[in-house]
PDB file of N, CA and C in Angstrom:
ATOM      1  N   MET A   1     104.324 162.998 110.189  1.00  0.00           N
ATOM      2  CA  MET A   1     104.696 161.623 109.529  1.00  0.00           C
ATOM      3  C   MET A   1     105.851 160.978 110.059  1.00  0.00           C
ATOM      4  N   PRO A   2     105.854 160.030 110.396  1.00  0.00           N
ATOM      5  CA  PRO A   2     106.674 159.170 110.853  1.00  0.00           C
ATOM      6  C   PRO A   2     108.306 158.628 110.091  1.00  0.00           C
ATOM      7  N   VAL A   3     107.704 158.641 108.648  1.00  0.00           N
ATOM      8  CA  VAL A   3     108.476 158.338 107.768  1.00  0.00           C
ATOM      9  C   VAL A   3     108.699 159.279 106.362  1.00  0.00           C
ATOM     10  N   MET A   4     107.628 160.280 106.240  1.00  0.00           N
ATOM     11  CA  MET A   4     107.906 160.766 105.189  1.00  0.00           C
ATOM     12  C   MET A   4     106.934 162.579 105.293  1.00  0.00           C
ATOM     13  N   HIS A   5     107.435 163.075 104.910  1.00  0.00           N
ATOM     14  CA  HIS A   5     106.739 164.647 105.596  1.00  0.00           C
ATOM     15  C   HIS A   5     105.512 164.556 104.487  1.00  0.00           C
ATOM     16  N   GLY A   6     104.467 165.211 104.826  1.00  0.00           N
ATOM     17  CA  GLY A   6     103.297 165.456 104.086  1.00  0.00           C
ATOM     18  C   GLY A   6     103.074 165.634 103.110  1.00  0.00           C
ATOM     19  N   LEU A   7     104.144 166.839 102.798  1.00  0.00           N
ATOM     20  CA  LEU A   7     104.507 167.443 101.600  1.00  0.00           C
ATOM     21  C   LEU A   7     104.698 166.471 100.199  1.00  0.00           C
ATOM     22  N   THR A   8     105.902 165.648 100.561  1.00  0.00           N
ATOM     23  CA  THR A   8     106.667 164.314  99.613  1.00  0.00           C
ATOM     24  C   THR A   8     105.647 163.636  99.742  1.00  0.00           C
ATOM     25  N   ALA A   9     104.134 163.021 100.350  1.00  0.00           N
ATOM     26  CA  ALA A   9     103.903 161.899 100.449  1.00  0.00           C
ATOM     27  C   ALA A   9     102.269 162.452  99.669  1.00  0.00           C
ATOM     28  N   SER A  10     102.160 163.558  99.460  1.00  0.00           N
ATOM     29  CA  SER A  10     101.319 164.270  98.581  1.00  0.00           C
ATOM     30  C   SER A  10     102.048 164.513  96.780  1.00  0.00           C
ATOM     31  N   THR A  11     103.051 164.305  97.140  1.00  0.00           N
ATOM     32  CA  THR A  11     104.109 164.387  95.278  1.00  0.00           C
ATOM     33  C   THR A  11     103.899 162.816  94.950  1.00  0.00           C
ATOM     34  N   VAL A  12     104.174 162.065  96.379  1.00  0.00           N
ATOM     35  CA  VAL A  12     104.418 160.757  95.729  1.00  0.00           C
ATOM     36  C   VAL A  12     102.931 160.255  95.245  1.00  0.00           C
ATOM     37  N   ILE A  13     101.869 160.665  96.079  1.00  0.00           N
ATOM     38  CA  ILE A  13     100.699 160.117  95.570  1.00  0.00           C
ATOM     39  C   ILE A  13     100.196 160.700  94.234  1.00  0.00           C
ATOM     40  N   ARG A  14     100.623 161.890  93.968  1.00  0.00           N
ATOM     41  CA  ARG A  14      99.903 162.642  92.431  1.00  0.00           C
ATOM     42  C   ARG A  14     100.957 161.734  91.143  1.00  0.00           C
ATOM     43  N   ALA A  15     102.226 161.706  91.696  1.00  0.00           N
ATOM     44  CA  ALA A  15     103.019 160.993  90.935  1.00  0.00           C
ATOM     45  C   ALA A  15     102.486 159.724  90.540  1.00  0.00           C
ATOM     46  N   SER A  16     102.038 158.654  91.261  1.00  0.00           N
ATOM     47  CA  SER A  16     101.530 157.471  91.492  1.00  0.00           C
ATOM     48  C   SER A  16     100.365 157.475  90.375  1.00  0.00           C
ATOM     49  N   GLU A  17      99.126 158.500  90.569  1.00  0.00           N
ATOM     50  CA  GLU A  17      98.011 159.038  89.602  1.00  0.00           C
ATOM     51  C   GLU A  17      98.192 159.207  88.058  1.00  0.00           C
ATOM     52  N   GLN A  18      99.703 159.691  87.890  1.00  0.00           N
ATOM     53  CA  GLN A  18      99.800 159.912  86.282  1.00  0.00           C
ATOM     54  C   GLN A  18     100.912 158.820  86.434  1.00  0.00           C
ATOM     55  N   ASN A  19     100.966 157.503  87.170  1.00  0.00           N
ATOM     56  CA  ASN A  19     101.704 156.327  86.355  1.00  0.00           C
ATOM     57  C   ASN A  19     103.386 156.506  86.157  1.00  0.00           C
ATOM     58  N   ASN A  20     103.958 158.022  87.109  1.00  0.00           N
ATOM     59  CA  ASN A  20     105.591 158.397  86.406  1.00  0.00           C
ATOM     60  C   ASN A  20     106.011 157.424  87.607  1.00  0.00           C
ATOM     61  N   ASP A  21     107.301 157.324  87.076  1.00  0.00           N
ATOM     62  CA  ASP A  21     108.433 156.714  87.920  1.00  0.00           C
ATOM     63  C   ASP A  21     108.482 157.438  89.324  1.00  0.00           C
ATOM     64  N   LEU A  22     108.535 156.234  90.216  1.00  0.00           N
ATOM     65  CA  LEU A  22     108.712 156.447  91.659  1.00  0.00           C
ATOM     66  C   LEU A  22     110.191 156.110  92.174  1.00  0.00           C
ATOM     67  N   THR A  23     110.998 156.077  91.399  1.00  0.00           N
ATOM     68  CA  THR A  23     112.416 155.195  92.135  1.00  0.00           C
ATOM     69  C   THR A  23     112.908 156.333  92.615  1.00  0.00           C
ATOM     70  N   HIS A  24     112.878 157.563  92.631  1.00  0.00           N
ATOM     71  CA  HIS A  24     113.569 158.730  93.211  1.00  0.00           C
ATOM     72  C   HIS A  24     112.881 159.072  94.785  1.00  0.00           C
ATOM     73  N   PHE A  25     112.122 158.396  95.008  1.00  0.00           N
ATOM     74  CA  PHE A  25     111.101 158.377  96.193  1.00  0.00           C
ATOM     75  C   PHE A  25     111.877 157.580  97.585  1.00  0.00           C
ATOM     76  N   ASN A  26     112.833 156.581  96.681  1.00  0.00           N
ATOM     77  CA  ASN A  26     113.452 155.923  97.170  1.00  0.00           C
ATOM     78  C   ASN A  26     112.073 155.008  98.653  1.00  0.00           C
ATOM     79  N   LEU A  27     111.027 154.857  97.737  1.00  0.00           N
ATOM     80  CA  LEU A  27     109.779 154.004  98.320  1.00  0.00           C
ATOM     81  C   LEU A  27     110.379 152.220  98.487  1.00  0.00           C
ATOM     82  N   PRO A  28     110.070 151.471  98.497  1.00  0.00           N
ATOM     83  CA  PRO A  28     109.942 150.312  98.995  1.00  0.00           C
ATOM     84  C   PRO A  28     109.312 149.846  97.613  1.00  0.00           C
ATOM     85  N   PRO A  29     109.772 148.800  96.786  1.00  0.00           N
ATOM     86  CA  PRO A  29     109.417 148.345  95.579  1.00  0.00           C
ATOM     87  C   PRO A  29     107.602 147.994  95.743  1.00  0.00           C
ATOM     88  N   LEU A  30     107.489 147.555  96.692  1.00  0.00           N
ATOM     89  CA  LEU A  30     106.181 146.785  96.954  1.00  0.00           C
ATOM     90  C   LEU A  30     105.083 148.202  97.034  1.00  0.00           C
ATOM     91  N   LEU A  31     105.628 148.978  97.850  1.00  0.00           N
ATOM     92  CA  LEU A  31     105.234 149.976  98.163  1.00  0.00           C
ATOM     93  C   LEU A  31     104.586 150.733  96.874  1.00  0.00           C
ATOM     94  N   ALA A  32     105.884 150.998  96.365  1.00  0.00           N
ATOM     95  CA  ALA A  32     105.809 151.488  94.883  1.00  0.00           C
ATOM     96  C   ALA A  32     104.368 151.427  93.953  1.00  0.00           C
ATOM     97  N   GLU A  33     104.719 149.602  93.910  1.00  0.00           N
ATOM     98  CA  GLU A  33     103.833 149.230  93.018  1.00  0.00           C
ATOM     99  C   GLU A  33     102.468 149.258  93.277  1.00  0.00           C
ATOM    100  N   LYS A  34     102.142 149.015  94.719  1.00  0.00           N
ATOM    101  CA  LYS A  34     100.912 149.093  94.932  1.00  0.00           C
ATOM    102  C   LYS A  34     100.116 150.825  94.965  1.00  0.00           C
ATOM    103  N   LEU A  35     101.014 151.359  95.228  1.00  0.00           N
ATOM    104  CA  LEU A  35     100.808 152.927  95.088  1.00  0.00           C
ATOM    105  C   LEU A  35     100.104 153.166  93.296  1.00  0.00           C
ATOM    106  N   LYS A  36     100.996 152.798  92.349  1.00  0.00           N
ATOM    107  CA  LYS A  36     100.760 152.645  91.006  1.00  0.00           C
ATOM    108  C   LYS A  36      99.539 152.189  90.775  1.00  0.00           C
ATOM    109  N   GLU A  37      99.666 150.796  91.394  1.00  0.00           N
ATOM    110  CA  GLU A  37      98.313 150.150  91.146  1.00  0.00           C
ATOM    111  C   GLU A  37      97.123 150.898  91.330  1.00  0.00           C
ATOM    112  N   GLN A  38      96.853 151.394  92.408  1.00  0.00           N
ATOM    113  CA  GLN A  38      95.769 151.819  93.115  1.00  0.00           C
ATOM    114  C   GLN A  38      95.504 153.088  92.617  1.00  0.00           C
ATOM    115  N   CYS A  39      96.294 154.011  92.128  1.00  0.00           N
ATOM    116  CA  CYS A  39      96.148 155.515  92.376  1.00  0.00           C
ATOM    117  C   CYS A  39      96.283 155.829  91.056  1.00  0.00           C
ATOM    118  N   LYS A  40      96.558 155.201  89.898  1.00  0.00           N
ATOM    119  CA  LYS A  40      96.906 155.222  88.637  1.00  0.00           C
ATOM    120  C   LYS A  40      95.215 155.885  87.522  1.00  0.00           C
ATOM    121  N   GLY A  41      95.186 157.075  87.204  1.00  0.00           N
ATOM    122  CA  GLY A  41      94.076 157.640  86.543  1.00  0.00           C
ATOM    123  C   GLY A  41      93.362 158.206  87.691  1.00  0.00           C
ATOM    124  N   LYS A  42      93.654 158.063  88.882  1.00  0.00           N
ATOM    125  CA  LYS A  42      92.628 158.397  89.652  1.00  0.00           C
ATOM    126  C   LYS A  42      93.127 159.973  90.643  1.00  0.00           C
ATOM    127  N   HIS A  43      92.070 160.459  91.122  1.00  0.00           N
ATOM    128  CA  HIS A  43      92.276 161.879  91.765  1.00  0.00           C
ATOM    129  C   HIS A  43      92.285 161.496  93.213  1.00  0.00           C
ATOM    130  N   ILE A  44      93.291 161.660  93.790  1.00  0.00           N
ATOM    131  CA  ILE A  44      92.651 161.103  95.547  1.00  0.00           C
ATOM    132  C   ILE A  44      92.989 162.253  96.103  1.00  0.00           C
ATOM    133  N   PRO A  45      91.921 162.490  97.210  1.00  0.00           N
ATOM    134  CA  PRO A  45      91.556 163.740  97.842  1.00  0.00           C
ATOM    135  C   PRO A  45      92.465 163.887  98.759  1.00  0.00           C
ATOM    136  N   ILE A  46      93.539 165.204  98.814  1.00  0.00           N
ATOM    137  CA  ILE A  46      94.492 165.013 100.061  1.00  0.00           C
ATOM    138  C   ILE A  46      93.933 166.449 100.475  1.00  0.00           C
ATOM    139  N   ILE A  47      93.715 166.596 101.787  1.00  0.00           N
ATOM    140  CA  ILE A  47      93.723 167.665 102.604  1.00  0.00           C
ATOM    141  C   ILE A  47      94.709 167.609 103.771  1.00  0.00           C
ATOM    142  N   ALA A  48      95.370 169.076 103.513  1.00  0.00           N
ATOM    143  CA  ALA A  48      96.539 169.107 104.715  1.00  0.00           C
ATOM    144  C   ALA A  48      95.737 169.852 106.106  1.00  0.00           C
ATOM    145  N   MET A  49      96.390 168.866 107.363  1.00  0.00           N
ATOM    146  CA  MET A  49      95.869 168.997 108.589  1.00  0.00           C
ATOM    147  C   MET A  49      96.782 169.679 109.284  1.00  0.00           C
ATOM    148  N   THR A  50      97.022 170.429 109.682  1.00  0.00           N
ATOM    149  CA  THR A  50      98.193 170.616 110.580  1.00  0.00           C
ATOM    150  C   THR A  50      98.290 171.678 111.629  1.00  0.00           C
ATOM    151  N   ALA A  51      99.208 171.659 112.622  1.00  0.00           N
ATOM    152  CA  ALA A  51      99.117 172.493 113.418  1.00  0.00           C
ATOM    153  C   ALA A  51     100.519 173.440 113.729  1.00  0.00           C
ATOM    154  N   ASN A  52     100.917 173.248 112.609  1.00  0.00           N
ATOM    155  CA  ASN A  52     101.920 174.452 111.867  1.00  0.00           C
ATOM    156  C   ASN A  52     101.468 175.312 111.292  1.00  0.00           C
ATOM    157  N   ALA A  53     100.577 176.853 111.438  1.00  0.00           N
ATOM    158  CA  ALA A  53     100.080 177.287 110.690  1.00  0.00           C
ATOM    159  C   ALA A  53     100.971 178.633 110.829  1.00  0.00           C
ATOM    160  N   MET A  54     101.995 178.390 109.438  1.00  0.00           N
ATOM    161  CA  MET A  54     102.742 179.518 109.507  1.00  0.00           C
ATOM    162  C   MET A  54     102.315 180.308 108.265  1.00  0.00           C
ATOM    163  N   GLU A  55     102.732 181.612 108.496  1.00  0.00           N
ATOM    164  CA  GLU A  55     102.569 182.385 106.868  1.00  0.00           C
ATOM    165  C   GLU A  55     103.619 181.483 105.714  1.00  0.00           C
ATOM    166  N   GLY A  56     102.517 180.904 105.213  1.00  0.00           N
ATOM    167  CA  GLY A  56     103.218 180.300 103.714  1.00  0.00           C
ATOM    168  C   GLY A  56     102.625 179.258 103.539  1.00  0.00           C
ATOM    169  N   ASP A  57     102.249 178.478 104.534  1.00  0.00           N
ATOM    170  CA  ASP A  57     101.951 177.037 104.920  1.00  0.00           C
ATOM    171  C   ASP A  57     100.730 176.608 103.888  1.00  0.00           C
ATOM    172  N   ARG A  58      99.826 177.097 103.571  1.00  0.00           N
ATOM    173  CA  ARG A  58      98.909 177.207 103.029  1.00  0.00           C
ATOM    174  C   ARG A  58      99.190 176.974 101.395  1.00  0.00           C
ATOM    175  N   GLN A  59     100.018 177.782 101.224  1.00  0.00           N
ATOM    176  CA  GLN A  59     100.665 178.022  99.615  1.00  0.00           C
ATOM    177  C   GLN A  59     101.563 176.746  99.532  1.00  0.00           C
ATOM    178  N   LYS A  60     102.281 176.803 100.348  1.00  0.00           N
ATOM    179  CA  LYS A  60     103.157 175.285 100.172  1.00  0.00           C
ATOM    180  C   LYS A  60     102.577 173.927 100.080  1.00  0.00           C
ATOM    181  N   CYS A  61     101.395 173.781 100.634  1.00  0.00           N
ATOM    182  CA  CYS A  61     100.568 172.648 100.809  1.00  0.00           C
ATOM    183  C   CYS A  61      99.914 172.228  99.218  1.00  0.00           C
ATOM    184  N   LEU A  62      99.432 173.690  98.804  1.00  0.00           N
ATOM    185  CA  LEU A  62      98.658 173.692  97.696  1.00  0.00           C
ATOM    186  C   LEU A  62      99.781 173.328  96.435  1.00  0.00           C
ATOM    187  N   ALA A  63     100.608 174.076  96.779  1.00  0.00           N
ATOM    188  CA  ALA A  63     101.894 173.835  95.517  1.00  0.00           C
ATOM    189  C   ALA A  63     102.616 172.539  95.785  1.00  0.00           C
ATOM    190  N   ALA A  64     102.337 171.529  96.924  1.00  0.00           N
ATOM    191  CA  ALA A  64     102.653 170.068  96.542  1.00  0.00           C
ATOM    192  C   ALA A  64     101.261 169.464  96.045  1.00  0.00           C
ATOM    193  N   SER A  65     100.300 170.009  95.592  1.00  0.00           N
ATOM    194  CA  SER A  65      98.875 169.511  94.814  1.00  0.00           C
ATOM    195  C   SER A  65      98.304 168.746  96.010  1.00  0.00           C
ATOM    196  N   MET A  66      98.296 169.537  96.788  1.00  0.00           N
ATOM    197  CA  MET A  66      96.933 168.899  97.874  1.00  0.00           C
ATOM    198  C   MET A  66      95.958 169.898  97.697  1.00  0.00           C
ATOM    199  N   ASP A  67      94.894 169.184  97.488  1.00  0.00           N
ATOM    200  CA  ASP A  67      93.346 169.814  97.419  1.00  0.00           C
ATOM    201  C   ASP A  67      92.835 170.965  98.426  1.00  0.00           C
ATOM    202  N   ASN A  68      92.995 170.993  99.779  1.00  0.00           N
ATOM    203  CA  ASN A  68      92.766 171.931 100.460  1.00  0.00           C
ATOM    204  C   ASN A  68      93.903 171.861 101.924  1.00  0.00           C
ATOM    205  N   TYR A  69      93.604 173.067 102.492  1.00  0.00           N
ATOM    206  CA  TYR A  69      94.424 173.320 103.605  1.00  0.00           C
ATOM    207  C   TYR A  69      93.137 173.540 104.757  1.00  0.00           C
ATOM    208  N   LEU A  70      93.663 172.776 106.021  1.00  0.00           N
ATOM    209  CA  LEU A  70      93.327 172.918 107.567  1.00  0.00           C
ATOM    210  C   LEU A  70      93.747 172.929 108.636  1.00  0.00           C
ATOM    211  N   ALA A  71      93.957 174.700 108.959  1.00  0.00           N
ATOM    212  CA  ALA A  71      94.786 174.434 110.529  1.00  0.00           C
ATOM    213  C   ALA A  71      94.101 174.432 111.591  1.00  0.00           C
ATOM    214  N   LYS A  72      94.760 173.353 112.736  1.00  0.00           N
ATOM    215  CA  LYS A  72      94.185 173.241 113.801  1.00  0.00           C
ATOM    216  C   LYS A  72      94.690 174.234 115.216  1.00  0.00           C
ATOM    217  N   PRO A  73      93.808 174.609 115.983  1.00  0.00           N
ATOM    218  CA  PRO A  73      92.135 173.788 116.130  1.00  0.00           C
ATOM    219  C   PRO A  73      91.414 174.218 114.811  1.00  0.00           C
ATOM    220  N   PHE A  74      90.346 173.306 114.888  1.00  0.00           N
ATOM    221  CA  PHE A  74      89.532 173.669 113.768  1.00  0.00           C
ATOM    222  C   PHE A  74      88.164 173.140 114.401  1.00  0.00           C
ATOM    223  N   GLU A  75      86.556 173.670 113.675  1.00  0.00           N
ATOM    224  CA  GLU A  75      85.262 173.302 114.123  1.00  0.00           C
ATOM    225  C   GLU A  75      85.087 172.070 113.581  1.00  0.00           C
ATOM    226  N   PRO A  76      84.152 170.912 113.991  1.00  0.00           N
ATOM    227  CA  PRO A  76      83.602 170.091 113.023  1.00  0.00           C
ATOM    228  C   PRO A  76      83.063 170.296 111.588  1.00  0.00           C
ATOM    229  N   ALA A  77      82.616 171.645 111.899  1.00  0.00           N
ATOM    230  CA  ALA A  77      82.019 172.439 110.512  1.00  0.00           C
ATOM    231  C   ALA A  77      82.737 172.326 109.563  1.00  0.00           C
ATOM    232  N   GLN A  78      84.140 173.184 110.394  1.00  0.00           N
ATOM    233  CA  GLN A  78      84.890 173.405 109.126  1.00  0.00           C
ATOM    234  C   GLN A  78      85.687 172.039 108.279  1.00  0.00           C
ATOM    235  N   ILE A  79      85.867 171.317 109.044  1.00  0.00           N
ATOM    236  CA  ILE A  79      86.468 169.749 108.578  1.00  0.00           C
ATOM    237  C   ILE A  79      85.301 169.195 107.430  1.00  0.00           C
ATOM    238  N   ARG A  80      84.285 169.617 108.014  1.00  0.00           N
ATOM    239  CA  ARG A  80      83.010 168.827 106.565  1.00  0.00           C
ATOM    240  C   ARG A  80      83.247 169.651 105.884  1.00  0.00           C
ATOM    241  N   ALA A  81      82.899 171.193 105.899  1.00  0.00           N
ATOM    242  CA  ALA A  81      83.106 171.995 104.562  1.00  0.00           C
ATOM    243  C   ALA A  81      83.937 171.753 103.711  1.00  0.00           C
ATOM    244  N   VAL A  82      85.215 171.587 104.128  1.00  0.00           N
ATOM    245  CA  VAL A  82      86.446 170.982 103.583  1.00  0.00           C
ATOM    246  C   VAL A  82      86.747 169.762 102.747  1.00  0.00           C
ATOM    247  N   ILE A  83      85.836 169.064 103.293  1.00  0.00           N
ATOM    248  CA  ILE A  83      85.726 167.506 103.076  1.00  0.00           C
ATOM    249  C   ILE A  83      84.811 167.508 101.570  1.00  0.00           C
ATOM    250  N   ALA A  84      83.442 168.426 102.138  1.00  0.00           N
ATOM    251  CA  ALA A  84      82.448 168.387 100.733  1.00  0.00           C
ATOM    252  C   ALA A  84      82.740 169.257  99.510  1.00  0.00           C
ATOM    253  N   GLU A  85      83.697 170.369  99.893  1.00  0.00           N
ATOM    254  CA  GLU A  85      84.544 171.084  98.816  1.00  0.00           C
ATOM    255  C   GLU A  85      85.320 170.456  98.125  1.00  0.00           C
ATOM    256  N   SER A  86      86.338 169.737  98.707  1.00  0.00           N
ATOM    257  CA  SER A  86      86.978 168.487  97.663  1.00  0.00           C
ATOM    258  C   SER A  86      86.388 167.265  97.282  1.00  0.00           C
ATOM    259  N   ILE A  87      85.447 166.910  97.396  1.00  0.00           N
ATOM    260  CA  ILE A  87      84.493 165.748  96.954  1.00  0.00           C
ATOM    261  C   ILE A  87      83.882 166.323  95.956  1.00  0.00           C
ATOM    262  N   GLN A  88      83.225 167.768  95.712  1.00  0.00           N
ATOM    263  CA  GLN A  88      82.720 168.426  94.961  1.00  0.00           C
ATOM    264  C   GLN A  88      83.813 168.814  93.407  1.00  0.00           C
ATOM    265  N   ARG A  89      85.088 168.800  93.915  1.00  0.00           N
ATOM    266  CA  ARG A  89      85.619 168.757  92.905  1.00  0.00           C
ATOM    267  C   ARG A  89      86.594 167.545  91.866  1.00  0.00           C
ATOM    268  N   LEU A  90      86.204 166.435  92.619  1.00  0.00           N
ATOM    269  CA  LEU A  90      86.648 165.140  91.710  1.00  0.00           C
ATOM    270  C   LEU A  90      86.113 165.561  90.395  1.00  0.00           C
ATOM    271  N   PRO A  91      86.643 164.679  89.340  1.00  0.00           N
ATOM    272  CA  PRO A  91      86.318 164.591  88.520  1.00  0.00           C
ATOM    273  C   PRO A  91      85.491 163.577  88.288  1.00  0.00           C
ATOM    274  N   GLU A  92      84.565 163.836  87.446  1.00  0.00           N
ATOM    275  CA  GLU A  92      83.472 162.541  86.941  1.00  0.00           C
ATOM    276  C   GLU A  92      83.773 161.478  86.438  1.00  0.00           C
TER     277      GLU A  92
END
């Protein structure tokens, strides 16, 4: 990502969902307001897709509160399965 690492972005989204203070992320104020407004009280599914499939990457992504992880290259059936699994886990 050009502006923010995916692990940080996941942390920001999760903080927004919980209506936490976002000032320490140094986001533009309008962006922080929009995130909090759109994410508050929701759970946004986050799936890591990375070409950097190194040992421990999956654990880092899950520790950053991502819902799932998929290493490139992957088959279309794999992405469908990961999305379906993530949707099934959404709170009602």
